[in-house]
Amino acid sequence: MRGVLIVLAATGILFATAAPAAPPEYPVSIIDVRHWEAYAESHIKGARSMPLRVVADRAAEISKTGLVVFY
C-alpha cells in the first residue's frame, strides 16, 4: 500500500510539472482511486472507479500492456 502511495505522489509531481502532450497512439486506462462519493460528484470522462483500498485486490483488472493513469 505504501508503494502505491509513493507512486501516486510521484505521478502527481510529474503531471504538475509536465507540459501538455499529444494523445498517445495506444489505449489509456484511467482509474479514479478516490472514494465513490468523490468519483460520483466529478470524475474524468471514461475513468473507472477503483478506490485506493481495493487496488491491490483488483490488480487483475488493470491493463498490463497499456498506459494506466491513477488519480
Protein backbone atom coordinates (compact mmCIF):
# COMPACT_ATOMS: atom_id res chain seq x y z
CA MET A 1 0.00 0.00 0.00
CA ARG A 2 2.82 2.40 0.84
CA GLY A 3 4.38 1.72 -2.56
CA VAL A 4 1.13 2.68 -4.28
CA LEU A 5 1.03 5.95 -2.36
CA ILE A 6 4.62 6.74 -3.34
CA VAL A 7 3.82 6.07 -7.00
CA LEU A 8 0.72 8.26 -6.79
CA ALA A 9 2.71 11.11 -5.23
CA ALA A 10 5.46 10.83 -7.84
CA THR A 11 2.87 10.76 -10.63
CA GLY A 12 1.22 13.87 -9.24
CA ILE A 13 4.54 15.72 -9.22
CA LEU A 14 5.27 14.66 -12.79
CA PHE A 15 1.84 15.78 -14.02
CA ALA A 16 2.11 19.10 -12.21
CA THR A 17 5.39 19.94 -13.94
CA ALA A 18 4.83 18.31 -17.35
CA ALA A 19 3.91 20.21 -20.48
CA PRO A 20 0.77 19.08 -22.35
CA ALA A 21 1.48 16.18 -24.67
CA ALA A 22 -0.15 14.76 -27.76
CA PRO A 23 -2.59 11.91 -27.13
CA PRO A 24 -0.90 8.50 -27.05
CA GLU A 25 -1.24 6.18 -30.03
CA TYR A 26 -2.40 3.34 -27.77
CA PRO A 27 -5.27 2.95 -25.30
CA VAL A 28 -5.07 4.63 -21.93
CA SER A 29 -6.91 3.36 -18.86
CA ILE A 30 -7.84 5.98 -16.30
CA ILE A 31 -8.54 4.80 -12.78
CA ASP A 32 -10.02 7.13 -10.17
CA VAL A 33 -8.81 5.95 -6.74
CA ARG A 34 -10.92 8.36 -4.70
CA HIS A 35 -13.91 7.31 -2.61
CA TRP A 36 -17.12 6.62 -4.55
CA GLU A 37 -18.74 9.87 -3.42
CA ALA A 38 -15.92 11.94 -4.92
CA TYR A 39 -15.99 9.88 -8.12
CA ALA A 40 -19.76 10.30 -8.46
CA GLU A 41 -19.50 14.04 -7.86
CA SER A 42 -16.88 14.62 -10.56
CA HIS A 43 -14.50 12.39 -12.50
CA ILE A 44 -12.61 12.36 -15.76
CA LYS A 45 -14.76 11.13 -18.62
CA GLY A 46 -14.03 7.44 -19.21
CA ALA A 47 -12.39 6.92 -15.81
CA ARG A 48 -13.18 3.79 -13.80
CA SER A 49 -13.79 3.93 -10.08
CA MET A 50 -11.40 1.75 -8.08
CA PRO A 51 -10.90 3.12 -4.56
CA LEU A 52 -7.29 3.01 -3.40
CA ARG A 53 -8.09 0.50 -0.66
CA VAL A 54 -9.12 -2.15 -3.25
CA VAL A 55 -6.50 -1.59 -5.96
CA ALA A 56 -4.31 -4.48 -4.76
CA ASP A 57 -7.31 -6.84 -4.63
CA ARG A 58 -8.45 -5.83 -8.13
CA ALA A 59 -4.99 -5.73 -9.74
CA ALA A 60 -6.00 -8.39 -12.28
CA GLU A 61 -8.45 -5.87 -13.79
CA ILE A 62 -5.67 -3.36 -14.55
CA SER A 63 -4.07 -3.43 -18.00
CA LYS A 64 -0.56 -4.78 -18.10
CA THR A 65 0.11 -3.74 -21.70
CA GLY A 66 -1.27 -0.20 -21.99
CA LEU A 67 -0.76 3.06 -20.19
CA VAL A 68 -2.66 3.27 -16.90
CA VAL A 69 -3.22 6.58 -15.12
CA PHE A 70 -4.26 6.57 -11.47
CA TYR A 71 -5.64 9.71 -9.87
